[in-house]
Amino acid sequence: MDSLEKTMNSSEQKSSRKFLKSLLQKQPQELLLVMGTGVSAAVAPGIPALCSWRSCLEAVIEAAEQLDVLHPGDVAHFRRQVVKGRDLLVVAHDLIRKMSPRTGDSRPSFFQDCLMEIFDDLEQHLQNPQVLQSILGLMDRGTMVLTTNYDNLLEIFGQQQGKPMESLDLKDKTKVLQWARGHIRYGVLHIHGLYTDPCGMVLDPSGYKDVTQDPEVMEVLQSLYRTKSFLFVGCGETLRDQIFQALFLYAVPDKGDLEHYMVVLKDSEDHFFKHQADMLLHGVKVLSYGARFEHFPGYVQDLAAQICRRRSPDADLVDSTTLGNTCQGCAKRKLEENGVDVSKQLRPADDAGAS
């Protein structure tokens, strides 16, 4: 029995875990999954910088102090800003500007060196890849993925599973258009850039003027928000992110008519239900994965497994070679439904590769 099947059986036993029918009825190819820091925190808990925006900024400031690329007075100033609980996106913008040329250009920047310092040897810190495995299973079935994260943990894990993963950023118009049109199945769009590519990393929308002022790119990207159901996983303030807003929100009218989903921690009932009501105005249904972060990985696994078992229009053509290891449970069921001998269709070597 492969890992996805075990997840499915486990989810069937957890009758207390409920999912919205409107979400479960979505085909994987109808979804665009947005990964936030929560995914990285669950996968690599040994790297504090991946746990949250706050942790990332604290780690960047620490690295800047150690690398001697930020004046001691500025180090103290930014630490106070983080502790005070100011808008962390604003703090991040200010921090990037402080470590960038005075001309306002986003490169070269010491901020990128600090990120490379704190994200060194990521592949050595993959401790709990189950969430990534579930996301890969959805990608196998056509779910698109974008992220606000600087790390490439999903790509690293996917490559280890033999997937042709590709990291994309908004600087490459051709690639962005190909991805948005569904031509790069295993592409992950990093809207803030990727730490391994200093030239593509920005937090300020002004760094993407070539993109936001390109009618062809903007129309293709914004059509995704109109036609796909975005599934925010491990995200907190993504809808307040300036780049996300510039790419998907500003020019999309009638947001209340949309149907997107956001999975969040319910640590406070009052805050959760207020957030739920506020987001509904933007066409986003806020769901709780539980009252503790430890519930997050299991929730994502169960949700992905249930969506993955949805019968798509071309289900009869599905086999293990198109779904990959992470979705073989779906492939087996679909083949069995059609009277096909599974043992002849699924190679032992493929099963052995599932982690």
Protein backbone atom coordinates (compact mmCIF):
# COMPACT_ATOMS: atom_id res chain seq x y z
CA MET A 1 0.00 0.00 0.00
CA ASP A 2 1.55 3.32 -1.01
CA SER A 3 1.73 6.42 1.20
CA LEU A 4 -1.19 8.21 -0.46
CA GLU A 5 -3.46 5.19 0.04
CA LYS A 6 -2.46 5.10 3.71
CA THR A 7 -3.34 8.78 3.92
CA MET A 8 -6.73 8.10 2.33
CA ASN A 9 -7.48 5.27 4.73
CA SER A 10 -6.37 7.46 7.61
CA SER A 11 -8.63 10.27 6.45
CA GLU A 12 -11.59 7.88 6.29
CA GLN A 13 -10.98 6.97 9.93
CA LYS A 14 -10.95 10.62 11.02
CA SER A 15 -14.65 11.29 10.86
CA SER A 16 -14.22 14.45 12.94
CA ARG A 17 -12.22 16.11 10.17
CA LYS A 18 -14.63 17.85 7.82
CA PHE A 19 -13.92 19.49 4.48
CA LEU A 20 -16.15 21.81 2.47
CA LYS A 21 -17.94 19.92 -0.26
CA SER A 22 -17.45 22.87 -2.60
CA LEU A 23 -13.68 22.38 -2.27
CA LEU A 24 -13.71 18.58 -2.49
CA GLN A 25 -15.74 18.80 -5.71
CA LYS A 26 -12.96 20.73 -7.43
CA GLN A 27 -10.89 18.85 -9.96
CA PRO A 28 -7.14 19.18 -9.24
CA GLN A 29 -6.65 21.04 -12.53
CA GLU A 30 -9.18 23.63 -11.36
CA LEU A 31 -6.96 24.58 -8.42
CA LEU A 32 -3.99 26.90 -8.07
CA LEU A 33 -2.19 26.20 -4.82
CA VAL A 34 -0.45 29.13 -3.10
CA MET A 35 2.29 28.01 -0.71
CA GLY A 36 3.21 30.16 2.27
CA THR A 37 5.79 29.88 5.03
CA GLY A 38 3.66 27.35 6.90
CA VAL A 39 4.54 24.69 4.34
CA SER A 40 8.27 25.28 4.72
CA ALA A 41 7.96 25.40 8.51
CA ALA A 42 6.27 21.99 8.53
CA VAL A 43 8.80 20.44 6.15
CA ALA A 44 12.02 21.83 7.60
CA PRO A 45 11.41 22.81 11.24
CA GLY A 46 15.16 22.86 11.84
CA ILE A 47 15.51 26.16 9.96
CA PRO A 48 13.94 28.93 12.10
CA ALA A 49 13.93 31.37 9.16
CA LEU A 50 11.33 29.20 7.40
CA CYS A 51 8.83 29.27 10.25
CA SER A 52 7.29 32.68 9.58
CA TRP A 53 7.90 36.10 8.11
CA ARG A 54 8.93 37.29 11.56
CA SER A 55 11.44 34.46 11.96
CA CYS A 56 12.79 35.09 8.46
CA LEU A 57 13.35 38.79 9.16
CA GLU A 58 14.99 38.03 12.51
CA ALA A 59 17.33 35.57 10.77
CA VAL A 60 18.14 38.07 8.01
CA ILE A 61 18.98 40.77 10.56
CA GLU A 62 21.16 38.30 12.48
CA ALA A 63 22.97 37.31 9.28
CA ALA A 64 23.43 40.97 8.31
CA GLU A 65 25.04 41.64 11.68
CA GLN A 66 27.33 38.61 11.38
CA LEU A 67 28.30 39.46 7.80
CA ASP A 68 28.88 43.09 8.79
CA VAL A 69 26.65 44.45 6.02
CA LEU A 70 24.29 46.51 8.18
CA HIS A 71 25.23 49.35 10.53
CA PRO A 72 24.84 48.40 14.23
CA GLY A 73 22.36 51.25 14.65
CA ASP A 74 20.25 49.88 11.80
CA VAL A 75 20.47 46.37 13.23
CA ALA A 76 19.05 47.63 16.53
CA HIS A 77 16.38 49.68 14.72
CA PHE A 78 15.07 46.77 12.65
CA ARG A 79 15.10 44.42 15.61
CA ARG A 80 12.89 46.89 17.46
CA GLN A 81 10.55 47.12 14.48
CA VAL A 82 10.15 43.34 14.35
CA VAL A 83 9.58 43.07 18.10
CA LYS A 84 7.03 45.89 18.09
CA GLY A 85 4.86 43.88 15.73
CA ARG A 86 4.80 46.47 12.96
CA ASP A 87 3.54 45.46 9.53
CA LEU A 88 6.23 42.92 8.68
CA LEU A 89 5.90 43.48 4.94
CA VAL A 90 6.69 47.15 5.49
CA VAL A 91 9.66 46.20 7.67
CA ALA A 92 10.87 43.82 4.98
CA HIS A 93 10.58 46.52 2.30
CA ASP A 94 12.56 48.95 4.47
CA LEU A 95 15.19 46.33 5.24
CA ILE A 96 15.68 45.51 1.57
CA ARG A 97 16.01 49.19 0.69
CA LYS A 98 18.56 49.73 3.45
CA MET A 99 20.77 46.93 2.09
CA SER A 100 20.32 47.92 -1.57
CA PRO A 101 21.91 50.71 -3.66
CA ARG A 102 20.76 54.22 -2.83
CA THR A 103 19.53 54.54 -6.41
CA GLY A 104 16.56 52.40 -5.41
CA ASP A 105 17.61 49.53 -7.68
CA SER A 106 16.90 46.13 -6.11
CA ARG A 107 20.28 44.76 -7.17
CA PRO A 108 22.97 44.25 -6.17
CA SER A 109 21.75 43.85 -2.60
CA PHE A 110 23.22 42.47 0.60
CA PHE A 111 19.71 41.21 1.42
CA GLN A 112 20.22 38.43 -1.09
CA ASP A 113 23.53 37.43 0.54
CA CYS A 114 21.77 37.22 3.90
CA LEU A 115 19.09 34.93 2.47
CA MET A 116 21.72 32.69 0.92
CA GLU A 117 23.38 32.50 4.32
CA ILE A 118 20.25 31.45 6.24
CA PHE A 119 18.98 29.02 3.56
CA ASP A 120 22.31 27.24 3.09
CA ASP A 121 22.08 23.46 2.46
CA LEU A 122 18.28 23.29 2.45
CA GLU A 123 18.24 19.72 1.17
CA GLN A 124 19.94 18.60 4.39
CA HIS A 125 16.98 19.86 6.44
CA LEU A 126 14.08 18.03 4.77
CA GLN A 127 12.60 16.29 7.81
CA ASN A 128 8.87 15.98 7.14
CA PRO A 129 8.23 15.85 3.38
CA GLN A 130 4.67 14.52 3.63
CA VAL A 131 3.13 17.91 2.82
CA LEU A 132 5.38 18.28 -0.21
CA GLN A 133 4.45 14.78 -1.31
CA SER A 134 0.77 15.70 -1.17
CA ILE A 135 1.38 18.87 -3.19
CA LEU A 136 3.30 16.87 -5.79
CA GLY A 137 0.35 14.50 -6.02
CA LEU A 138 -1.90 17.44 -6.89
CA MET A 139 0.65 18.74 -9.41
CA ASP A 140 0.65 15.32 -11.04
CA ARG A 141 -3.05 15.84 -11.63
CA GLY A 142 -2.74 19.37 -13.01
CA THR A 143 -2.81 21.70 -9.98
CA MET A 144 -0.68 24.80 -10.54
CA VAL A 145 1.59 26.10 -7.76
CA LEU A 146 2.92 29.50 -6.86
CA THR A 147 4.64 30.62 -3.69
CA THR A 148 5.61 33.70 -1.74
CA ASN A 149 8.54 31.76 -0.24
CA TYR A 150 12.17 32.33 -1.14
CA ASP A 151 13.09 28.68 -0.60
CA ASN A 152 12.87 25.88 -3.16
CA LEU A 153 12.06 22.96 -0.85
CA LEU A 154 9.28 21.69 -3.13
CA GLU A 155 11.57 21.68 -6.15
CA ILE A 156 14.33 19.90 -4.20
CA PHE A 157 11.95 17.21 -3.01
CA GLY A 158 10.29 16.85 -6.41
CA GLN A 159 13.65 16.35 -8.11
CA GLN A 160 14.48 13.67 -5.56
CA GLN A 161 11.26 11.93 -6.69
CA GLY A 162 12.30 12.14 -10.33
CA LYS A 163 10.01 15.05 -11.28
CA PRO A 164 11.23 17.66 -13.81
CA MET A 165 10.77 20.54 -11.36
CA GLU A 166 11.41 24.08 -12.50
CA SER A 167 11.72 27.25 -10.40
CA LEU A 168 10.30 30.33 -12.08
CA ASP A 169 10.28 34.02 -11.23
CA LEU A 170 8.52 36.99 -12.75
CA LYS A 171 11.60 38.29 -14.55
CA ASP A 172 11.24 35.69 -17.32
CA LYS A 173 8.17 36.70 -19.32
CA THR A 174 8.29 33.71 -21.64
CA LYS A 175 8.37 31.22 -18.78
CA VAL A 176 5.67 33.05 -16.84
CA LEU A 177 3.34 32.93 -19.85
CA GLN A 178 4.07 29.24 -20.41
CA TRP A 179 3.40 28.48 -16.74
CA ALA A 180 0.20 30.56 -16.60
CA ARG A 181 -1.12 28.76 -19.68
CA GLY A 182 -0.49 25.40 -18.05
CA HIS A 183 2.46 24.37 -20.21
CA ILE A 184 4.94 23.81 -17.34
CA ARG A 185 3.30 21.16 -15.18
CA TYR A 186 6.05 21.02 -12.57
CA GLY A 187 6.84 24.73 -12.54
CA VAL A 188 6.71 26.65 -9.26
CA LEU A 189 6.29 30.41 -9.65
CA HIS A 190 8.13 32.38 -6.95
CA ILE A 191 6.46 35.79 -6.99
CA HIS A 192 9.09 37.21 -4.58
CA GLY A 193 11.90 35.45 -6.40
CA LEU A 194 14.21 32.66 -5.27
CA TYR A 195 17.14 32.93 -2.92
CA THR A 196 19.41 31.08 -5.37
CA ASP A 197 18.80 33.71 -8.07
CA PRO A 198 19.74 37.14 -6.64
CA CYS A 199 18.62 38.98 -9.76
CA GLY A 200 15.03 37.82 -9.40
CA MET A 201 14.37 38.63 -5.74
CA VAL A 202 12.22 41.62 -4.80
CA LEU A 203 9.47 42.48 -2.34
CA ASP A 204 8.38 45.79 -3.84
CA PRO A 205 6.01 45.83 -6.86
CA SER A 206 8.20 48.52 -8.42
CA GLY A 207 10.76 45.79 -9.03
CA TYR A 208 8.30 44.12 -11.38
CA LYS A 209 7.30 47.14 -13.45
CA ASP A 210 8.10 45.23 -16.64
CA VAL A 211 5.55 42.61 -15.60
CA THR A 212 2.80 44.80 -14.15
CA GLN A 213 2.95 47.14 -17.15
CA ASP A 214 2.81 44.32 -19.68
CA PRO A 215 -0.86 43.88 -20.75
CA GLU A 216 -0.32 40.35 -22.09
CA VAL A 217 1.28 39.04 -18.89
CA MET A 218 -1.18 40.77 -16.59
CA GLU A 219 -4.20 39.53 -18.52
CA VAL A 220 -2.97 35.93 -18.39
CA LEU A 221 -2.14 36.11 -14.67
CA GLN A 222 -5.36 37.83 -13.66
CA SER A 223 -7.41 35.42 -15.71
CA LEU A 224 -6.09 32.71 -13.38
CA TYR A 225 -7.68 34.46 -10.41
CA ARG A 226 -10.95 34.63 -12.32
CA THR A 227 -10.95 31.06 -13.62
CA LYS A 228 -9.03 29.00 -11.03
CA SER A 229 -9.85 28.37 -7.40
CA PHE A 230 -6.83 29.52 -5.41
CA LEU A 231 -6.03 27.32 -2.42
CA PHE A 232 -3.88 29.21 0.10
CA VAL A 233 -1.88 26.74 2.20
CA GLY A 234 0.44 27.84 4.98
CA CYS A 235 -0.34 31.48 4.18
CA GLY A 236 -1.18 34.25 6.60
CA GLU A 237 -1.11 37.70 5.06
CA THR A 238 -0.81 36.81 1.38
CA LEU A 239 -3.81 38.89 0.33
CA ARG A 240 -2.07 41.91 1.87
CA ASP A 241 1.16 41.16 0.01
CA GLN A 242 1.81 44.06 -2.37
CA ILE A 243 3.12 41.91 -5.20
CA PHE A 244 0.25 39.44 -4.94
CA GLN A 245 -2.19 42.34 -4.97
CA ALA A 246 -0.54 43.92 -8.00
CA LEU A 247 -0.57 40.65 -9.93
CA PHE A 248 -3.98 39.25 -9.09
CA LEU A 249 -6.26 41.62 -7.19
CA TYR A 250 -6.21 45.20 -8.43
CA ALA A 251 -7.80 44.64 -11.82
CA VAL A 252 -10.11 41.75 -10.93
CA PRO A 253 -13.65 43.07 -10.40
CA ASP A 254 -16.48 41.41 -8.47
CA LYS A 255 -14.19 39.55 -6.04
CA GLY A 256 -17.23 38.43 -4.07
CA ASP A 257 -18.26 36.27 -7.02
CA LEU A 258 -15.02 34.29 -6.84
CA GLU A 259 -14.47 31.11 -4.84
CA HIS A 260 -11.04 30.68 -3.31
CA TYR A 261 -9.96 28.89 -0.13
CA MET A 262 -7.49 29.60 2.66
CA VAL A 263 -6.38 27.08 5.28
CA VAL A 264 -5.36 28.73 8.56
CA LEU A 265 -4.70 28.07 12.24
CA LYS A 266 -7.64 28.70 14.57
CA ASP A 267 -5.76 29.79 17.67
CA SER A 268 -8.46 32.29 18.65
CA GLU A 269 -12.10 31.79 17.80
CA ASP A 270 -12.93 35.49 17.79
CA HIS A 271 -10.02 36.32 15.48
CA PHE A 272 -10.71 33.32 13.26
CA PHE A 273 -14.38 34.06 12.66
CA LYS A 274 -13.69 37.77 12.08
CA HIS A 275 -11.00 36.84 9.58
CA GLN A 276 -13.40 34.38 7.97
CA ALA A 277 -16.08 37.07 7.56
CA ASP A 278 -13.58 39.63 6.22
CA MET A 279 -12.10 37.26 3.65
CA LEU A 280 -15.51 36.18 2.40
CA LEU A 281 -15.89 39.73 1.06
CA HIS A 282 -12.92 38.99 -1.20
CA GLY A 283 -14.29 35.66 -2.39
CA VAL A 284 -12.05 33.64 -0.05
CA LYS A 285 -13.46 30.92 2.20
CA VAL A 286 -11.28 30.60 5.29
CA LEU A 287 -10.98 27.09 6.72
CA SER A 288 -9.35 25.90 9.93
CA TYR A 289 -6.89 23.01 10.03
CA GLY A 290 -7.02 22.99 13.82
CA ALA A 291 -5.97 24.82 16.95
CA ARG A 292 -2.33 23.69 16.79
CA PHE A 293 0.25 23.86 14.03
CA GLU A 294 0.93 20.14 14.54
CA HIS A 295 -2.46 19.49 12.89
CA PHE A 296 -1.41 21.23 9.67
CA PRO A 297 0.53 18.44 7.86
CA GLY A 298 -2.17 15.82 8.46
CA TYR A 299 -4.91 18.19 7.31
CA VAL A 300 -3.10 18.97 4.06
CA GLN A 301 -2.42 15.28 3.42
CA ASP A 302 -6.05 14.32 3.97
CA LEU A 303 -7.37 17.22 1.90
CA ALA A 304 -5.02 16.50 -1.00
CA ALA A 305 -5.87 12.80 -0.89
CA GLN A 306 -9.60 13.47 -1.11
CA ILE A 307 -9.19 15.95 -3.96
CA CYS A 308 -6.86 13.54 -5.72
CA ARG A 309 -9.44 10.75 -5.69
CA ARG A 310 -11.91 12.93 -7.58
CA ARG A 311 -12.74 11.33 -10.92
CA SER A 312 -11.64 13.65 -13.72
CA PRO A 313 -13.08 13.61 -17.27
CA ASP A 314 -9.97 11.81 -18.57
CA ALA A 315 -9.73 9.39 -15.64
CA ASP A 316 -9.80 6.36 -17.93
CA LEU A 317 -6.45 7.44 -19.35
CA VAL A 318 -4.77 7.74 -15.96
CA ASP A 319 -1.93 5.43 -15.00
CA SER A 320 1.04 5.45 -12.69
CA THR A 321 3.36 6.97 -15.26
CA THR A 322 1.27 10.13 -15.49
CA LEU A 323 0.39 10.41 -11.84
CA GLY A 324 3.74 9.48 -10.31
CA ASN A 325 4.42 7.90 -6.96
CA THR A 326 2.51 10.45 -4.90
CA CYS A 327 -0.78 9.70 -6.62
CA GLN A 328 -0.54 5.98 -7.35
CA GLY A 329 -3.38 5.29 -4.94
CA CYS A 330 -5.65 7.27 -7.25
CA ALA A 331 -4.29 5.43 -10.29
CA LYS A 332 -4.87 2.00 -8.75
CA ARG A 333 -8.46 2.77 -7.87
CA LYS A 334 -9.25 4.16 -11.30
CA LEU A 335 -7.70 1.19 -13.08
CA GLU A 336 -9.54 -1.25 -10.82
CA GLU A 337 -12.82 0.53 -11.55
CA ASN A 338 -12.25 -0.22 -15.22
CA GLY A 339 -11.49 -3.90 -14.63
CA VAL A 340 -7.75 -3.59 -15.27
CA ASP A 341 -5.32 -5.88 -13.48
CA VAL A 342 -3.38 -3.38 -11.35
CA SER A 343 -0.42 -5.70 -10.82
CA LYS A 344 0.26 -5.62 -14.56
CA GLN A 345 -0.07 -1.86 -14.83
CA LEU A 346 1.92 -0.63 -11.83
CA ARG A 347 5.54 -1.63 -11.78
CA PRO A 348 7.02 -2.81 -8.47
CA ALA A 349 9.90 -0.41 -8.97
CA ASP A 350 7.45 2.51 -8.99
CA ASP A 351 5.84 1.41 -5.74
CA ALA A 352 9.22 1.00 -4.14
CA GLY A 353 10.04 4.60 -4.94
CA ALA A 354 7.19 6.02 -2.89
CA SER A 355 8.32 7.41 0.41
